[in-house]
PDB file of all heavy atoms in Angstrom:
ATOM      1  N   LYS A   1     -34.900   9.806 -13.040  1.00  0.00           N
ATOM      2  CA  LYS A   1     -35.725  10.937 -13.473  1.00  0.00           C
ATOM      3  C   LYS A   1     -37.037  10.534 -13.927  1.00  0.00           C
ATOM      4  O   LYS A   1     -37.886  11.396 -14.362  1.00  0.00           O
ATOM      5  CB  LYS A   1     -34.962  11.883 -14.511  1.00  0.00           C
ATOM      6  CG  LYS A   1     -33.688  12.437 -13.944  1.00  0.00           C
ATOM      7  CD  LYS A   1     -33.090  13.378 -15.062  1.00  0.00           C
ATOM      8  CE  LYS A   1     -31.851  14.087 -14.432  1.00  0.00           C
ATOM      9  NZ  LYS A   1     -31.229  15.082 -15.463  1.00  0.00           N
ATOM     10  N   HIS A   2     -37.364   9.247 -13.892  1.00  0.00           N
ATOM     11  CA  HIS A   2     -38.716   8.814 -14.381  1.00  0.00           C
ATOM     12  C   HIS A   2     -39.553   8.520 -13.154  1.00  0.00           C
ATOM     13  O   HIS A   2     -39.159   8.375 -12.024  1.00  0.00           O
ATOM     14  CB  HIS A   2     -38.484   7.497 -15.224  1.00  0.00           C
ATOM     15  CG  HIS A   2     -37.942   7.732 -16.563  1.00  0.00           C
ATOM     16  ND1 HIS A   2     -38.700   8.211 -17.558  1.00  0.00           N
ATOM     17  CD2 HIS A   2     -36.756   7.496 -17.046  1.00  0.00           C
ATOM     18  CE1 HIS A   2     -38.054   8.286 -18.751  1.00  0.00           C
ATOM     19  NE2 HIS A   2     -36.823   7.887 -18.462  1.00  0.00           N
ATOM     20  N   SER A   3     -40.865   8.285 -13.454  1.00  0.00           N
ATOM     21  CA  SER A   3     -41.836   7.901 -12.430  1.00  0.00           C
ATOM     22  C   SER A   3     -41.594   6.519 -11.975  1.00  0.00           C
ATOM     23  O   SER A   3     -40.822   5.792 -12.546  1.00  0.00           O
ATOM     24  CB  SER A   3     -43.152   8.020 -12.914  1.00  0.00           C
ATOM     25  OG  SER A   3     -43.455   7.072 -14.004  1.00  0.00           O
ATOM     26  N   ILE A   4     -42.170   6.143 -10.773  1.00  0.00           N
ATOM     27  CA  ILE A   4     -42.089   4.801 -10.328  1.00  0.00           C
ATOM     28  C   ILE A   4     -42.497   3.767 -11.366  1.00  0.00           C
ATOM     29  O   ILE A   4     -41.804   2.713 -11.575  1.00  0.00           O
ATOM     30  CB  ILE A   4     -42.880   4.658  -8.948  1.00  0.00           C
ATOM     31  CG1 ILE A   4     -42.277   5.433  -7.954  1.00  0.00           C
ATOM     32  CG2 ILE A   4     -42.816   3.133  -8.583  1.00  0.00           C
ATOM     33  CD1 ILE A   4     -43.010   5.412  -6.588  1.00  0.00           C
ATOM     34  N   GLY A   5     -43.576   3.966 -11.991  1.00  0.00           N
ATOM     35  CA  GLY A   5     -44.035   3.087 -13.076  1.00  0.00           C
ATOM     36  C   GLY A   5     -43.080   2.872 -14.223  1.00  0.00           C
ATOM     37  O   GLY A   5     -42.805   1.848 -14.781  1.00  0.00           O
ATOM     38  N   GLN A   6     -42.528   4.062 -14.663  1.00  0.00           N
ATOM     39  CA  GLN A   6     -41.540   4.017 -15.689  1.00  0.00           C
ATOM     40  C   GLN A   6     -40.308   3.262 -15.311  1.00  0.00           C
ATOM     41  O   GLN A   6     -39.648   2.619 -16.105  1.00  0.00           O
ATOM     42  CB  GLN A   6     -41.216   5.438 -16.190  1.00  0.00           C
ATOM     43  CG  GLN A   6     -42.415   6.091 -16.891  1.00  0.00           C
ATOM     44  CD  GLN A   6     -42.193   7.562 -17.172  1.00  0.00           C
ATOM     45  OE1 GLN A   6     -41.606   8.242 -16.367  1.00  0.00           O
ATOM     46  NE2 GLN A   6     -42.568   8.030 -18.295  1.00  0.00           N
ATOM     47  N   ARG A   7     -39.932   3.567 -13.992  1.00  0.00           N
ATOM     48  CA  ARG A   7     -38.700   2.850 -13.516  1.00  0.00           C
ATOM     49  C   ARG A   7     -38.904   1.327 -13.563  1.00  0.00           C
ATOM     50  O   ARG A   7     -38.050   0.528 -13.932  1.00  0.00           O
ATOM     51  CB  ARG A   7     -38.413   3.320 -12.114  1.00  0.00           C
ATOM     52  CG  ARG A   7     -37.917   4.746 -11.977  1.00  0.00           C
ATOM     53  CD  ARG A   7     -37.638   5.084 -10.495  1.00  0.00           C
ATOM     54  NE  ARG A   7     -37.676   6.529 -10.324  1.00  0.00           N
ATOM     55  CZ  ARG A   7     -37.473   7.045  -9.112  1.00  0.00           C
ATOM     56  NH1 ARG A   7     -37.378   6.324  -8.051  1.00  0.00           N
ATOM     57  NH2 ARG A   7     -37.492   8.376  -9.075  1.00  0.00           N
ATOM     58  N   ALA A   8     -40.167   0.954 -13.065  1.00  0.00           N
ATOM     59  CA  ALA A   8     -40.490  -0.502 -13.103  1.00  0.00           C
ATOM     60  C   ALA A   8     -40.406  -1.049 -14.545  1.00  0.00           C
ATOM     61  O   ALA A   8     -39.888  -2.121 -14.758  1.00  0.00           O
ATOM     62  CB  ALA A   8     -41.876  -0.757 -12.501  1.00  0.00           C
ATOM     63  N   SER A   9     -40.899  -0.359 -15.462  1.00  0.00           N
ATOM     64  CA  SER A   9     -40.916  -0.736 -16.927  1.00  0.00           C
ATOM     65  C   SER A   9     -39.432  -0.949 -17.339  1.00  0.00           C
ATOM     66  O   SER A   9     -39.135  -1.919 -17.969  1.00  0.00           O
ATOM     67  CB  SER A   9     -41.694   0.257 -17.848  1.00  0.00           C
ATOM     68  OG  SER A   9     -41.637  -0.091 -19.085  1.00  0.00           O
ATOM     69  N   ALA A  10     -38.655   0.083 -17.100  1.00  0.00           N
ATOM     70  CA  ALA A  10     -37.266   0.000 -17.558  1.00  0.00           C
ATOM     71  C   ALA A  10     -36.491  -1.133 -16.847  1.00  0.00           C
ATOM     72  O   ALA A  10     -35.796  -1.909 -17.647  1.00  0.00           O
ATOM     73  CB  ALA A  10     -36.546   1.255 -17.114  1.00  0.00           C
ATOM     74  N   LEU A  11     -36.812  -1.446 -15.601  1.00  0.00           N
ATOM     75  CA  LEU A  11     -36.108  -2.615 -15.033  1.00  0.00           C
ATOM     76  C   LEU A  11     -36.598  -3.921 -15.557  1.00  0.00           C
ATOM     77  O   LEU A  11     -35.765  -4.867 -15.724  1.00  0.00           O
ATOM     78  CB  LEU A  11     -36.370  -2.581 -13.407  1.00  0.00           C
ATOM     79  CG  LEU A  11     -35.622  -1.363 -12.733  1.00  0.00           C
ATOM     80  CD1 LEU A  11     -36.072  -1.350 -11.283  1.00  0.00           C
ATOM     81  CD2 LEU A  11     -34.118  -1.556 -12.896  1.00  0.00           C
ATOM     82  N   VAL A  12     -37.808  -4.060 -15.778  1.00  0.00           N
ATOM     83  CA  VAL A  12     -38.462  -5.401 -16.427  1.00  0.00           C
ATOM     84  C   VAL A  12     -37.771  -5.495 -17.763  1.00  0.00           C
ATOM     85  O   VAL A  12     -37.362  -6.586 -18.190  1.00  0.00           O
ATOM     86  CB  VAL A  12     -39.976  -5.290 -16.447  1.00  0.00           C
ATOM     87  CG1 VAL A  12     -40.474  -6.452 -17.238  1.00  0.00           C
ATOM     88  CG2 VAL A  12     -40.576  -5.278 -15.099  1.00  0.00           C
ATOM     89  N   LEU A  13     -37.797  -4.430 -18.562  1.00  0.00           N
ATOM     90  CA  LEU A  13     -37.140  -4.564 -19.895  1.00  0.00           C
ATOM     91  C   LEU A  13     -35.688  -4.871 -19.894  1.00  0.00           C
ATOM     92  O   LEU A  13     -35.187  -5.555 -20.648  1.00  0.00           O
ATOM     93  CB  LEU A  13     -37.335  -3.205 -20.726  1.00  0.00           C
ATOM     94  CG  LEU A  13     -38.823  -2.881 -21.108  1.00  0.00           C
ATOM     95  CD1 LEU A  13     -38.966  -1.542 -21.714  1.00  0.00           C
ATOM     96  CD2 LEU A  13     -39.302  -3.932 -22.095  1.00  0.00           C
ATOM     97  N   PHE A  14     -35.052  -4.326 -18.794  1.00  0.00           N
ATOM     98  CA  PHE A  14     -33.615  -4.597 -18.635  1.00  0.00           C
ATOM     99  C   PHE A  14     -33.404  -6.092 -18.270  1.00  0.00           C
ATOM    100  O   PHE A  14     -32.500  -6.787 -18.889  1.00  0.00           O
ATOM    101  CB  PHE A  14     -32.975  -3.798 -17.458  1.00  0.00           C
ATOM    102  CG  PHE A  14     -31.637  -4.079 -17.106  1.00  0.00           C
ATOM    103  CD1 PHE A  14     -30.528  -3.634 -17.923  1.00  0.00           C
ATOM    104  CD2 PHE A  14     -31.325  -4.882 -16.000  1.00  0.00           C
ATOM    105  CE1 PHE A  14     -29.277  -3.991 -17.625  1.00  0.00           C
ATOM    106  CE2 PHE A  14     -29.963  -5.087 -15.671  1.00  0.00           C
ATOM    107  CZ  PHE A  14     -28.990  -4.716 -16.442  1.00  0.00           C
ATOM    108  N   ILE A  15     -34.290  -6.711 -17.542  1.00  0.00           N
ATOM    109  CA  ILE A  15     -34.198  -8.060 -17.184  1.00  0.00           C
ATOM    110  C   ILE A  15     -34.425  -8.941 -18.443  1.00  0.00           C
ATOM    111  O   ILE A  15     -33.778  -9.895 -18.687  1.00  0.00           O
ATOM    112  CB  ILE A  15     -35.237  -8.451 -16.100  1.00  0.00           C
ATOM    113  CG1 ILE A  15     -34.822  -7.872 -14.798  1.00  0.00           C
ATOM    114  CG2 ILE A  15     -35.349  -9.981 -15.896  1.00  0.00           C
ATOM    115  CD1 ILE A  15     -35.840  -7.921 -13.661  1.00  0.00           C
ATOM    116  N   LEU A  16     -35.507  -8.461 -19.255  1.00  0.00           N
ATOM    117  CA  LEU A  16     -35.771  -9.227 -20.450  1.00  0.00           C
ATOM    118  C   LEU A  16     -34.740  -9.183 -21.440  1.00  0.00           C
ATOM    119  O   LEU A  16     -34.606 -10.095 -22.338  1.00  0.00           O
ATOM    120  CB  LEU A  16     -37.120  -8.677 -21.014  1.00  0.00           C
ATOM    121  CG  LEU A  16     -38.412  -8.858 -20.163  1.00  0.00           C
ATOM    122  CD1 LEU A  16     -39.611  -8.180 -20.877  1.00  0.00           C
ATOM    123  CD2 LEU A  16     -38.693 -10.349 -19.887  1.00  0.00           C
ATOM    124  N   SER A  17     -33.902  -8.091 -21.429  1.00  0.00           N
ATOM    125  CA  SER A  17     -32.893  -7.960 -22.435  1.00  0.00           C
ATOM    126  C   SER A  17     -31.675  -8.746 -22.256  1.00  0.00           C
ATOM    127  O   SER A  17     -30.749  -8.886 -23.080  1.00  0.00           O
ATOM    128  CB  SER A  17     -32.440  -6.537 -22.580  1.00  0.00           C
ATOM    129  OG  SER A  17     -31.816  -6.087 -21.416  1.00  0.00           O
ATOM    130  N   GLN A  18     -31.519  -9.302 -20.977  1.00  0.00           N
ATOM    131  CA  GLN A  18     -30.317 -10.145 -20.606  1.00  0.00           C
ATOM    132  C   GLN A  18     -30.255 -11.420 -21.509  1.00  0.00           C
ATOM    133  O   GLN A  18     -30.956 -12.361 -21.263  1.00  0.00           O
ATOM    134  CB  GLN A  18     -30.308 -10.386 -19.216  1.00  0.00           C
ATOM    135  CG  GLN A  18     -30.353  -9.206 -18.237  1.00  0.00           C
ATOM    136  CD  GLN A  18     -29.235  -8.201 -18.650  1.00  0.00           C
ATOM    137  OE1 GLN A  18     -28.061  -8.454 -18.425  1.00  0.00           O
ATOM    138  NE2 GLN A  18     -29.533  -7.057 -19.104  1.00  0.00           N
ATOM    139  N   LYS A  19     -29.303 -11.483 -22.487  1.00  0.00           N
ATOM    140  CA  LYS A  19     -29.286 -12.611 -23.460  1.00  0.00           C
ATOM    141  C   LYS A  19     -28.861 -13.883 -22.754  1.00  0.00           C
ATOM    142  O   LYS A  19     -29.084 -14.972 -23.341  1.00  0.00           O
ATOM    143  CB  LYS A  19     -28.358 -12.168 -24.586  1.00  0.00           C
ATOM    144  CG  LYS A  19     -28.792 -10.918 -25.301  1.00  0.00           C
ATOM    145  CD  LYS A  19     -30.089 -11.067 -25.983  1.00  0.00           C
ATOM    146  CE  LYS A  19     -30.449  -9.850 -26.733  1.00  0.00           C
ATOM    147  NZ  LYS A  19     -31.844  -9.838 -27.318  1.00  0.00           N
ATOM    148  N   LYS A  20     -28.090 -13.848 -21.621  1.00  0.00           N
ATOM    149  CA  LYS A  20     -27.508 -15.006 -21.020  1.00  0.00           C
ATOM    150  C   LYS A  20     -28.598 -15.758 -20.242  1.00  0.00           C
ATOM    151  O   LYS A  20     -28.367 -16.925 -19.925  1.00  0.00           O
ATOM    152  CB  LYS A  20     -26.363 -14.576 -20.171  1.00  0.00           C
ATOM    153  CG  LYS A  20     -25.159 -14.056 -20.902  1.00  0.00           C
ATOM    154  CD  LYS A  20     -24.026 -13.753 -19.951  1.00  0.00           C
ATOM    155  CE  LYS A  20     -22.788 -13.272 -20.686  1.00  0.00           C
ATOM    156  NZ  LYS A  20     -21.677 -12.905 -19.746  1.00  0.00           N
ATOM    157  N   ASN A  21     -29.692 -15.173 -19.923  1.00  0.00           N
ATOM    158  CA  ASN A  21     -30.748 -15.796 -19.216  1.00  0.00           C
ATOM    159  C   ASN A  21     -31.616 -16.673 -20.045  1.00  0.00           C
ATOM    160  O   ASN A  21     -32.187 -16.181 -20.993  1.00  0.00           O
ATOM    161  CB  ASN A  21     -31.534 -14.819 -18.417  1.00  0.00           C
ATOM    162  CG  ASN A  21     -30.802 -14.007 -17.435  1.00  0.00           C
ATOM    163  OD1 ASN A  21     -29.832 -14.477 -16.819  1.00  0.00           O
ATOM    164  ND2 ASN A  21     -31.172 -12.730 -17.220  1.00  0.00           N
ATOM    165  N   ASN A  22     -31.863 -17.927 -19.618  1.00  0.00           N
ATOM    166  CA  ASN A  22     -32.791 -18.788 -20.446  1.00  0.00           C
ATOM    167  C   ASN A  22     -34.076 -19.068 -19.556  1.00  0.00           C
ATOM    168  O   ASN A  22     -34.836 -19.804 -19.951  1.00  0.00           O
ATOM    169  CB  ASN A  22     -32.159 -20.062 -20.952  1.00  0.00           C
ATOM    170  CG  ASN A  22     -31.489 -20.807 -19.767  1.00  0.00           C
ATOM    171  OD1 ASN A  22     -31.807 -20.610 -18.606  1.00  0.00           O
ATOM    172  ND2 ASN A  22     -30.710 -21.878 -20.167  1.00  0.00           N
ATOM    173  N   LEU A  23     -34.067 -18.483 -18.362  1.00  0.00           N
ATOM    174  CA  LEU A  23     -35.190 -18.641 -17.517  1.00  0.00           C
ATOM    175  C   LEU A  23     -35.452 -17.218 -16.761  1.00  0.00           C
ATOM    176  O   LEU A  23     -34.537 -16.736 -16.092  1.00  0.00           O
ATOM    177  CB  LEU A  23     -35.047 -19.704 -16.462  1.00  0.00           C
ATOM    178  CG  LEU A  23     -36.190 -19.861 -15.354  1.00  0.00           C
ATOM    179  CD1 LEU A  23     -37.455 -20.156 -15.962  1.00  0.00           C
ATOM    180  CD2 LEU A  23     -35.742 -20.795 -14.286  1.00  0.00           C
ATOM    181  N   ILE A  24     -36.606 -16.686 -17.020  1.00  0.00           N
ATOM    182  CA  ILE A  24     -36.966 -15.405 -16.334  1.00  0.00           C
ATOM    183  C   ILE A  24     -38.355 -15.513 -15.631  1.00  0.00           C
ATOM    184  O   ILE A  24     -39.286 -15.916 -16.249  1.00  0.00           O
ATOM    185  CB  ILE A  24     -37.004 -14.326 -17.512  1.00  0.00           C
ATOM    186  CG1 ILE A  24     -35.597 -14.123 -18.107  1.00  0.00           C
ATOM    187  CG2 ILE A  24     -37.507 -12.995 -16.900  1.00  0.00           C
ATOM    188  CD1 ILE A  24     -35.586 -13.059 -19.177  1.00  0.00           C
ATOM    189  N   ILE A  25     -38.327 -15.213 -14.413  1.00  0.00           N
ATOM    190  CA  ILE A  25     -39.547 -15.306 -13.576  1.00  0.00           C
ATOM    191  C   ILE A  25     -39.873 -13.922 -13.086  1.00  0.00           C
ATOM    192  O   ILE A  25     -39.036 -13.170 -12.483  1.00  0.00           O
ATOM    193  CB  ILE A  25     -39.268 -16.262 -12.383  1.00  0.00           C
ATOM    194  CG1 ILE A  25     -38.873 -17.589 -12.761  1.00  0.00           C
ATOM    195  CG2 ILE A  25     -40.563 -16.297 -11.496  1.00  0.00           C
ATOM    196  CD1 ILE A  25     -38.529 -18.546 -11.612  1.00  0.00           C
ATOM    197  N   ILE A  26     -41.076 -13.462 -13.323  1.00  0.00           N
ATOM    198  CA  ILE A  26     -41.582 -12.111 -13.034  1.00  0.00           C
ATOM    199  C   ILE A  26     -42.832 -12.198 -12.193  1.00  0.00           C
ATOM    200  O   ILE A  26     -43.841 -12.854 -12.682  1.00  0.00           O
ATOM    201  CB  ILE A  26     -41.708 -11.238 -14.258  1.00  0.00           C
ATOM    202  CG1 ILE A  26     -40.400 -11.007 -14.915  1.00  0.00           C
ATOM    203  CG2 ILE A  26     -42.300  -9.839 -13.822  1.00  0.00           C
ATOM    204  CD1 ILE A  26     -40.436 -10.256 -16.179  1.00  0.00           C
ATOM    205  N   ASP A  27     -42.959 -11.565 -11.059  1.00  0.00           N
ATOM    206  CA  ASP A  27     -44.049 -11.611 -10.201  1.00  0.00           C
ATOM    207  C   ASP A  27     -44.933 -10.332 -10.329  1.00  0.00           C
ATOM    208  O   ASP A  27     -44.470  -9.231  -9.988  1.00  0.00           O
ATOM    209  CB  ASP A  27     -43.640 -11.845  -8.704  1.00  0.00           C
ATOM    210  CG  ASP A  27     -44.787 -12.021  -7.840  1.00  0.00           C
ATOM    211  OD1 ASP A  27     -45.952 -12.385  -8.255  1.00  0.00           O
ATOM    212  OD2 ASP A  27     -44.597 -11.846  -6.524  1.00  0.00           O
ATOM    213  N   GLN A  28     -46.071 -10.433 -10.846  1.00  0.00           N
ATOM    214  CA  GLN A  28     -47.106  -9.393 -10.947  1.00  0.00           C
ATOM    215  C   GLN A  28     -46.592  -8.049 -11.409  1.00  0.00           C
ATOM    216  O   GLN A  28     -46.534  -7.086 -10.684  1.00  0.00           O
ATOM    217  CB  GLN A  28     -47.803  -9.216  -9.528  1.00  0.00           C
ATOM    218  CG  GLN A  28     -48.666 -10.377  -9.113  1.00  0.00           C
ATOM    219  CD  GLN A  28     -49.419 -10.093  -7.830  1.00  0.00           C
ATOM    220  OE1 GLN A  28     -49.838 -11.014  -7.216  1.00  0.00           O
ATOM    221  NE2 GLN A  28     -49.744  -8.872  -7.473  1.00  0.00           N
ATOM    222  N   PRO A  29     -46.166  -8.099 -12.650  1.00  0.00           N
ATOM    223  CA  PRO A  29     -45.547  -6.759 -13.214  1.00  0.00           C
ATOM    224  C   PRO A  29     -46.689  -5.685 -13.316  1.00  0.00           C
ATOM    225  O   PRO A  29     -46.380  -4.520 -13.323  1.00  0.00           O
ATOM    226  CB  PRO A  29     -45.139  -7.213 -14.615  1.00  0.00           C
ATOM    227  CG  PRO A  29     -45.933  -8.444 -14.902  1.00  0.00           C
ATOM    228  CD  PRO A  29     -46.074  -9.108 -13.676  1.00  0.00           C
ATOM    229  N   GLU A  30     -48.008  -6.089 -13.420  1.00  0.00           N
ATOM    230  CA  GLU A  30     -49.032  -5.123 -13.451  1.00  0.00           C
ATOM    231  C   GLU A  30     -49.200  -4.328 -12.220  1.00  0.00           C
ATOM    232  O   GLU A  30     -49.844  -3.314 -12.276  1.00  0.00           O
ATOM    233  CB  GLU A  30     -50.386  -5.869 -13.703  1.00  0.00           C
ATOM    234  CG  GLU A  30     -50.869  -6.695 -12.540  1.00  0.00           C
ATOM    235  CD  GLU A  30     -50.509  -8.081 -12.527  1.00  0.00           C
ATOM    236  OE1 GLU A  30     -49.477  -8.451 -13.285  1.00  0.00           O
ATOM    237  OE2 GLU A  30     -51.002  -8.966 -11.863  1.00  0.00           O
ATOM    238  N   ASP A  31     -48.517  -4.638 -11.103  1.00  0.00           N
ATOM    239  CA  ASP A  31     -48.550  -3.809  -9.941  1.00  0.00           C
ATOM    240  C   ASP A  31     -48.050  -2.343 -10.181  1.00  0.00           C
ATOM    241  O   ASP A  31     -48.495  -1.466  -9.527  1.00  0.00           O
ATOM    242  CB  ASP A  31     -47.810  -4.507  -8.704  1.00  0.00           C
ATOM    243  CG  ASP A  31     -48.499  -5.640  -8.174  1.00  0.00           C
ATOM    244  OD1 ASP A  31     -49.685  -5.867  -8.596  1.00  0.00           O
ATOM    245  OD2 ASP A  31     -47.958  -6.320  -7.365  1.00  0.00           O
ATOM    246  N   ASP A  32     -47.042  -2.243 -11.036  1.00  0.00           N
ATOM    247  CA  ASP A  32     -46.424  -0.962 -11.271  1.00  0.00           C
ATOM    248  C   ASP A  32     -46.623  -0.561 -12.773  1.00  0.00           C
ATOM    249  O   ASP A  32     -46.167   0.592 -13.137  1.00  0.00           O
ATOM    250  CB  ASP A  32     -44.937  -1.016 -10.946  1.00  0.00           C
ATOM    251  CG  ASP A  32     -44.801  -1.254  -9.398  1.00  0.00           C
ATOM    252  OD1 ASP A  32     -45.252  -0.407  -8.607  1.00  0.00           O
ATOM    253  OD2 ASP A  32     -44.112  -2.225  -9.004  1.00  0.00           O
ATOM    254  N   LEU A  33     -47.144  -1.429 -13.649  1.00  0.00           N
ATOM    255  CA  LEU A  33     -47.095  -1.141 -15.054  1.00  0.00           C
ATOM    256  C   LEU A  33     -48.582  -1.060 -15.508  1.00  0.00           C
ATOM    257  O   LEU A  33     -49.386  -1.812 -15.188  1.00  0.00           O
ATOM    258  CB  LEU A  33     -46.364  -2.168 -15.899  1.00  0.00           C
ATOM    259  CG  LEU A  33     -44.880  -2.498 -15.470  1.00  0.00           C
ATOM    260  CD1 LEU A  33     -44.381  -3.503 -16.341  1.00  0.00           C
ATOM    261  CD2 LEU A  33     -44.089  -1.170 -15.529  1.00  0.00           C
ATOM    262  N   ASP A  34     -48.795   0.043 -16.417  1.00  0.00           N
ATOM    263  CA  ASP A  34     -50.175   0.014 -16.991  1.00  0.00           C
ATOM    264  C   ASP A  34     -50.283  -0.921 -18.195  1.00  0.00           C
ATOM    265  O   ASP A  34     -49.337  -1.432 -18.693  1.00  0.00           O
ATOM    266  CB  ASP A  34     -50.537   1.449 -17.402  1.00  0.00           C
ATOM    267  CG  ASP A  34     -49.651   2.123 -18.413  1.00  0.00           C
ATOM    268  OD1 ASP A  34     -49.195   1.364 -19.272  1.00  0.00           O
ATOM    269  OD2 ASP A  34     -49.334   3.306 -18.263  1.00  0.00           O
ATOM    270  N   ASN A  35     -51.526  -1.116 -18.693  1.00  0.00           N
ATOM    271  CA  ASN A  35     -51.732  -1.989 -19.752  1.00  0.00           C
ATOM    272  C   ASN A  35     -51.076  -1.692 -21.041  1.00  0.00           C
ATOM    273  O   ASN A  35     -50.671  -2.609 -21.829  1.00  0.00           O
ATOM    274  CB  ASN A  35     -53.260  -2.191 -20.012  1.00  0.00           C
ATOM    275  CG  ASN A  35     -53.905  -3.107 -19.050  1.00  0.00           C
ATOM    276  OD1 ASN A  35     -53.361  -4.104 -18.600  1.00  0.00           O
ATOM    277  ND2 ASN A  35     -55.109  -2.817 -18.618  1.00  0.00           N
ATOM    278  N   GLN A  36     -50.952  -0.424 -21.336  1.00  0.00           N
ATOM    279  CA  GLN A  36     -50.226   0.010 -22.525  1.00  0.00           C
ATOM    280  C   GLN A  36     -48.762  -0.392 -22.504  1.00  0.00           C
ATOM    281  O   GLN A  36     -48.285  -0.844 -23.499  1.00  0.00           O
ATOM    282  CB  GLN A  36     -50.428   1.517 -22.686  1.00  0.00           C
ATOM    283  CG  GLN A  36     -49.815   2.025 -24.101  1.00  0.00           C
ATOM    284  CD  GLN A  36     -49.982   3.531 -24.265  1.00  0.00           C
ATOM    285  OE1 GLN A  36     -50.406   4.250 -23.331  1.00  0.00           O
ATOM    286  NE2 GLN A  36     -49.809   4.065 -25.505  1.00  0.00           N
ATOM    287  N   VAL A  37     -48.122  -0.153 -21.393  1.00  0.00           N
ATOM    288  CA  VAL A  37     -46.668  -0.569 -21.313  1.00  0.00           C
ATOM    289  C   VAL A  37     -46.593  -2.077 -21.373  1.00  0.00           C
ATOM    290  O   VAL A  37     -45.699  -2.543 -22.030  1.00  0.00           O
ATOM    291  CB  VAL A  37     -46.140  -0.026 -19.994  1.00  0.00           C
ATOM    292  CG1 VAL A  37     -44.755  -0.606 -19.775  1.00  0.00           C
ATOM    293  CG2 VAL A  37     -46.035   1.538 -20.017  1.00  0.00           C
TER     294      VAL A  37
END
């Protein structure tokens, strides 16, 4: 029910919240996220 940008933000935060991961690689998050987010 969220916009594409909000979905991207939620998915990035979901990835960041995974406690078992000790290596996280993210490619150009700014493509879908604004500076405030």
